[in-house]
C-alpha atoms as a PDB file:
ATOM      1  CA  MET A   1      36.650  -0.111  15.975  1.00  0.00           C
ATOM      2  CA  THR A   2      34.667  -0.273  12.752  1.00  0.00           C
ATOM      3  CA  ALA A   3      31.927  -2.861  12.365  1.00  0.00           C
ATOM      4  CA  LEU A   4      32.541  -5.520   9.764  1.00  0.00           C
ATOM      5  CA  PHE A   5      29.107  -5.040   8.185  1.00  0.00           C
ATOM      6  CA  ALA A   6      26.704  -2.110   8.074  1.00  0.00           C
ATOM      7  CA  ASN A   7      23.224  -1.880   6.601  1.00  0.00           C
ATOM      8  CA  THR A   8      21.789   1.496   7.543  1.00  0.00           C
ATOM      9  CA  VAL A   9      19.570   3.674   5.389  1.00  0.00           C
ATOM     10  CA  THR A  10      18.406   7.177   6.315  1.00  0.00           C
ATOM     11  CA  LEU A  11      15.667   8.736   4.190  1.00  0.00           C
ATOM     12  CA  ARG A  12      13.986  12.103   4.517  1.00  0.00           C
ATOM     13  CA  GLY A  13      10.935  12.854   2.420  1.00  0.00           C
ATOM     14  CA  PHE A  14       7.172  13.146   2.103  1.00  0.00           C
ATOM     15  CA  LEU A  15       4.551  10.422   2.411  1.00  0.00           C
ATOM     16  CA  GLY A  16       2.982   9.640  -0.949  1.00  0.00           C
ATOM     17  CA  LYS A  17      -0.193   8.234   0.605  1.00  0.00           C
ATOM     18  CA  ASN A  18      -1.713   7.606   4.018  1.00  0.00           C
ATOM     19  CA  ALA A  19      -0.017   4.971   6.176  1.00  0.00           C
ATOM     20  CA  GLU A  20      -1.326   1.428   5.778  1.00  0.00           C
ATOM     21  CA  ALA A  21      -1.725   0.130   9.342  1.00  0.00           C
ATOM     22  CA  PRO A  22      -3.945  -2.632  10.724  1.00  0.00           C
ATOM     23  CA  PRO A  23      -6.966  -1.667  12.839  1.00  0.00           C
ATOM     24  CA  SER A  24      -6.479  -1.559  16.610  1.00  0.00           C
ATOM     25  CA  ASP A  25      -8.141  -4.948  17.141  1.00  0.00           C
ATOM     26  CA  GLY A  26      -5.938  -6.514  14.405  1.00  0.00           C
ATOM     27  CA  ILE A  27      -2.553  -5.650  15.908  1.00  0.00           C
ATOM     28  CA  THR A  28      -0.506  -8.695  16.875  1.00  0.00           C
ATOM     29  CA  GLU A  29       3.198  -9.213  17.494  1.00  0.00           C
ATOM     30  CA  ASP A  30       3.589 -10.056  13.775  1.00  0.00           C
ATOM     31  CA  ALA A  31       1.675  -6.975  12.575  1.00  0.00           C
ATOM     32  CA  TYR A  32       3.327  -4.302  10.474  1.00  0.00           C
ATOM     33  CA  ALA A  33       2.488  -0.977   8.858  1.00  0.00           C
ATOM     34  CA  VAL A  34       3.595   0.171   5.409  1.00  0.00           C
ATOM     35  CA  LEU A  35       4.639   3.680   4.382  1.00  0.00           C
ATOM     36  CA  LEU A  36       5.352   4.974   0.878  1.00  0.00           C
ATOM     37  CA  LEU A  37       7.997   7.710   1.097  1.00  0.00           C
ATOM     38  CA  ALA A  38       9.057   9.986  -1.762  1.00  0.00           C
ATOM     39  CA  THR A  39      12.544  11.467  -1.989  1.00  0.00           C
ATOM     40  CA  VAL A  40      13.622  13.920  -4.668  1.00  0.00           C
ATOM     41  CA  SER A  41      17.048  14.278  -6.249  1.00  0.00           C
ATOM     42  CA  GLY A  42      18.184  15.297  -9.691  1.00  0.00           C
ATOM     43  CA  ILE A  43      20.895  16.536 -11.979  1.00  0.00           C
ATOM     44  CA  TRP A  44      21.740  19.852 -13.574  1.00  0.00           C
ATOM     45  CA  ASP A  45      21.755  19.438 -17.342  1.00  0.00           C
ATOM     46  CA  LEU A  46      24.535  21.707 -18.579  1.00  0.00           C
ATOM     47  CA  SER A  47      23.430  21.521 -22.211  1.00  0.00           C
ATOM     48  CA  THR A  48      19.980  22.980 -21.449  1.00  0.00           C
ATOM     49  CA  ASN A  49      20.973  24.801 -18.246  1.00  0.00           C
ATOM     50  CA  GLU A  50      18.015  23.230 -16.437  1.00  0.00           C
ATOM     51  CA  TRP A  51      17.480  21.157 -13.320  1.00  0.00           C
ATOM     52  CA  THR A  52      16.060  17.698 -14.083  1.00  0.00           C
ATOM     53  CA  PRO A  53      14.403  16.335 -10.933  1.00  0.00           C
ATOM     54  CA  ARG A  54      13.903  12.649 -10.164  1.00  0.00           C
ATOM     55  CA  THR A  55      11.457  11.310  -7.580  1.00  0.00           C
ATOM     56  CA  ASP A  56      12.190   7.929  -6.004  1.00  0.00           C
ATOM     57  CA  TRP A  57       9.529   6.001  -4.094  1.00  0.00           C
ATOM     58  CA  HIS A  58      10.577   3.909  -1.102  1.00  0.00           C
ATOM     59  CA  ARG A  59       8.501   1.221   0.570  1.00  0.00           C
ATOM     60  CA  ILE A  60       8.988   1.365   4.338  1.00  0.00           C
ATOM     61  CA  ILE A  61       8.007  -1.670   6.426  1.00  0.00           C
ATOM     62  CA  CYS A  62       7.273  -0.719  10.051  1.00  0.00           C
ATOM     63  CA  PRO A  63       7.272  -3.954  12.078  1.00  0.00           C
ATOM     64  CA  GLY A  64       5.575  -4.574  15.395  1.00  0.00           C
ATOM     65  CA  PRO A  65       2.713  -3.199  17.473  1.00  0.00           C
ATOM     66  CA  PHE A  66       4.521   0.032  18.412  1.00  0.00           C
ATOM     67  CA  PHE A  67       5.026   1.146  14.812  1.00  0.00           C
ATOM     68  CA  CYS A  68       1.462   0.084  13.895  1.00  0.00           C
ATOM     69  CA  GLY A  69       0.075   2.464  16.502  1.00  0.00           C
ATOM     70  CA  PHE A  70       2.634   5.207  15.830  1.00  0.00           C
ATOM     71  CA  THR A  71       2.081   5.339  12.076  1.00  0.00           C
ATOM     72  CA  ARG A  72      -1.730   5.063  12.112  1.00  0.00           C
ATOM     73  CA  GLY A  73      -2.282   8.851  12.052  1.00  0.00           C
ATOM     74  CA  MET A  74       0.288   9.576   9.343  1.00  0.00           C
ATOM     75  CA  ARG A  75      -1.175  11.131   6.221  1.00  0.00           C
ATOM     76  CA  ARG A  76      -0.129  11.889   2.668  1.00  0.00           C
ATOM     77  CA  GLY A  77       2.209  14.899   2.626  1.00  0.00           C
ATOM     78  CA  ASP A  78       3.678  14.347   6.124  1.00  0.00           C
ATOM     79  CA  TYR A  79       7.410  15.077   6.244  1.00  0.00           C
ATOM     80  CA  LEU A  80       9.397  12.220   7.848  1.00  0.00           C
ATOM     81  CA  GLU A  81      12.890  11.001   8.548  1.00  0.00           C
ATOM     82  CA  VAL A  82      13.197   7.218   8.527  1.00  0.00           C
ATOM     83  CA  GLU A  83      16.162   5.133   9.576  1.00  0.00           C
ATOM     84  CA  GLY A  84      16.252   1.420   8.873  1.00  0.00           C
ATOM     85  CA  GLU A  85      17.808  -1.525   7.093  1.00  0.00           C
ATOM     86  CA  LEU A  86      17.596  -2.207   3.354  1.00  0.00           C
ATOM     87  CA  ARG A  87      16.174  -5.655   2.673  1.00  0.00           C
ATOM     88  CA  ASN A  88      15.637  -7.676  -0.476  1.00  0.00           C
ATOM     89  CA  LEU A  89      12.123  -9.112  -0.778  1.00  0.00           C
ATOM     90  CA  GLU A  90      11.839 -11.924  -3.287  1.00  0.00           C
ATOM     91  CA  GLN A  91       8.371 -12.734  -4.616  1.00  0.00           C
ATOM     92  CA  GLU A  92       7.300 -15.389  -7.058  1.00  0.00           C
ATOM     93  CA  ARG A  93       5.041 -14.239  -9.889  1.00  0.00           C
ATOM     94  CA  GLY A  94       3.513 -16.033 -12.804  1.00  0.00           C
ATOM     95  CA  VAL A  95       4.398 -15.013 -16.356  1.00  0.00           C
ATOM     96  CA  VAL A  96       2.407 -16.236 -19.353  1.00  0.00           C
ATOM     97  CA  VAL A  97       4.388 -17.018 -22.508  1.00  0.00           C
ATOM     98  CA  ALA A  98       2.633 -18.469 -25.539  1.00  0.00           C
ATOM     99  CA  GLY A  99      -0.348 -19.423 -23.372  1.00  0.00           C
ATOM    100  CA  GLU A 100       1.780 -21.285 -20.819  1.00  0.00           C
ATOM    101  CA  ARG A 101       2.345 -19.992 -17.250  1.00  0.00           C
ATOM    102  CA  PHE A 102       5.867 -19.986 -15.790  1.00  0.00           C
ATOM    103  CA  PRO A 103       6.914 -19.026 -12.236  1.00  0.00           C
ATOM    104  CA  VAL A 104       9.418 -16.165 -12.114  1.00  0.00           C
ATOM    105  CA  LYS A 105      11.176 -14.763  -9.057  1.00  0.00           C
ATOM    106  CA  HIS A 106      10.952 -10.992  -8.780  1.00  0.00           C
ATOM    107  CA  ALA A 107      13.215  -9.034  -6.400  1.00  0.00           C
ATOM    108  CA  THR A 108      12.156  -5.761  -4.789  1.00  0.00           C
ATOM    109  CA  TYR A 109      13.721  -3.747  -2.009  1.00  0.00           C
ATOM    110  CA  ALA A 110      12.169  -2.256   1.103  1.00  0.00           C
ATOM    111  CA  VAL A 111      13.484  -0.417   4.139  1.00  0.00           C
ATOM    112  CA  HIS A 112      12.636  -2.057   7.480  1.00  0.00           C
ATOM    113  CA  ALA A 113      12.232   0.857   9.858  1.00  0.00           C
ATOM    114  CA  VAL A 114      14.173   1.101  13.097  1.00  0.00           C
ATOM    115  CA  ARG A 115      13.372   4.770  13.795  1.00  0.00           C
ATOM    116  CA  ILE A 116      10.758   7.157  12.423  1.00  0.00           C
ATOM    117  CA  GLN A 117      10.638  10.845  13.253  1.00  0.00           C
ATOM    118  CA  ARG A 118       8.012  13.344  12.176  1.00  0.00           C
ATOM    119  CA  MET A 119       9.632  16.568  11.005  1.00  0.00           C
ATOM    120  CA  ASP A 120       8.319  20.108  10.603  1.00  0.00           C
ATOM    121  CA  ARG A 121       7.487  20.862   6.986  1.00  0.00           C
ATOM    122  CA  PRO A 122      10.361  22.821   5.439  1.00  0.00           C
ATOM    123  CA  GLU A 123       9.695  26.348   4.274  1.00  0.00           C
ATOM    124  CA  ALA A 124       9.477  26.653   0.500  1.00  0.00           C
ATOM    125  CA  LEU A 125      12.807  27.708  -0.914  1.00  0.00           C
ATOM    126  CA  VAL A 126      12.409  30.608  -3.294  1.00  0.00           C
ATOM    127  CA  ASP A 127      15.303  32.247  -5.114  1.00  0.00           C
ATOM    128  CA  PHE A 128      14.438  35.886  -5.703  1.00  0.00           C
ATOM    129  CA  GLY A 129      17.721  36.529  -7.532  1.00  0.00           C
ATOM    130  CA  GLU A 130      20.251  39.244  -6.756  1.00  0.00           C
ATOM    131  CA  ASP A 131      17.659  42.025  -6.691  1.00  0.00           C
ATOM    132  CA  GLY A 132      15.905  40.353  -3.753  1.00  0.00           C
END
């Protein structure tokens, strides 16, 4: 039987910076770590016959003491696979118009991790053409 709702995201990419995790003495049940993961996709532009890459940056929230300890040693350039749920985070920001400040709600998205797996770095893919 199929579930009525599903909210599962699987991302595979490289860390853009070192993991942000609280120090060992600051880990509580409410603690969380933050990862910034880069994924690359793109399109082939037929008019120029060139690949146009696009890098997307994903904020990964890693909740709880386990993830805080697990992610602490992760460094920029680590290759990871992350599974989680996509969540909308709404923040209120102030905007100044004509010298007057107005509150504005700003929506951003983050993935709340359920599973993180370190992966071996992939070998660089090089196309040597037909002549090898």
